[in-house]
Amino acid sequence: MLYKISRYFSKQTSQKTKQIFDREKHIINRQYALRTKIENIFLKQSSITLADNLSSIRKQYDGNIAYFGQGAAQFLQNLPNNLSPKTIYICDLELDFLEYSLQQIQNDEQLKGKFKILKVSEMTSQDNKTILVPICCDEDFWPFLDGHLQLIVSNMNLHWVNDLQVVLIKWLESLEPDGTLVGSIFGSDTLQELRISYSLAENERFGGVSQHVSPFISITEMGNLLTRLKFTLPTICTERNLYEFDSIYHLMQYIQDIGEGEALIQKRIGTFKQTIQSVSAIYESLFKNENMKVNSTFEQIYFSAWKYHESQAKPKSRGSATVSLQQLQKEIHQIAPEDKIIFGTLTEDDYQENIIKDEKGTKKKN
């Protein structure tokens, strides 16, 4: 029943916004990935990084947590010490995806005995173990009541959402005051080499270009969106990595194998064989490295933000500073004179000749 309801509301709410992605096609792509069983290196890295980011937060999470996306087992393997929740809701788009995630958790030797998996109707059970509750839902249809969640973890799924603003508003409403949202999403530099190659090839053949690579959000856009939606204390960071593939065909096959194949609604119908060959030739001419392999950029944006609470740190009022930036710069130079080289007030030769630090940290002159 929950599956049917989520599908219905997803389609009803999405009609108000322009559709970029074919969500059903995306689900088919992910179902294909379940059969290939190819390791998603981006998901693995994201699960580790999200857990690490949570461990640096000085707060104990002992309430209700919602985890949306793949890689639940990998995230639970790295669960930080400040997370001891009563309930973790494992949320995903399809029953198949939930069953796969739960199977990974149950088969993992490190996680055996740590969690108890229950249905929503069985949540009256009293147990010292953290309860895992699988919920099949769409990001557009968020089933949680206002203020029910202490933490939401979104792992590499938001780049397939048609209206990110609407989703984040619903997530913010479901957080309790001082509740936290942490997540990861592909950034705008992802697959930039493939995008460039397609644009050059199609412009040469057709005198125009069409989308073949999904549009990704930039780090600036993500920060502005969180701020505009009244999230507090937003923190955004990005990680760019360059990966090697034997050819453009191996790159596109890997993307398909991990369930990240394109699912755009508006695109050029059909891709000619000659166009693909032209894309491959351009890609290799521009982005082949010394190892005779092609490079591909993948950017992962990590973000965290809070729902407002009066106890949160607030910026000082304007004009309340007691130390000027100029005075602060002077004090930094006194502590670390090597910084003067950066600011151009001391040459490196002068620094090497005139300043020597002994083992006690005192300064001596030649």
Foldseek 3Di string as FASTA:
>chain_A
DLLVVQVVLVVVVCVVFDFWFDVVVLVVLQVLLVVLVDDDPQLLVQLQVLQVVVLPDPAAAAEEEEEEDADPQSNVLSHHPSYNYQEYEDEYADPVRVVVRVVSQCPDPSNPPQEAEDEPVPVVDDDSHRYYYYGHHDLLCDPAAFQRHQEYEYEADLLNDRDSLNSVLVVLRRHHAFGKYKYKYWAQQFQVLLVVLQQVLCCVVPVGGWDQDRGGHHQVRVVVSCVVSPWPPKDKDKDKDKDWDLFVVRVQVVCSNNSNGGRTDDGDPDDDPVSVVSSRVSQQVPAQDPVRTGITMIMMMIMMTTRHDPPDDDDDDPPPDPDDPVRVVVVVCVQPVVCCCVVVNDPPVCCVQAWDQDPVRDTDGD
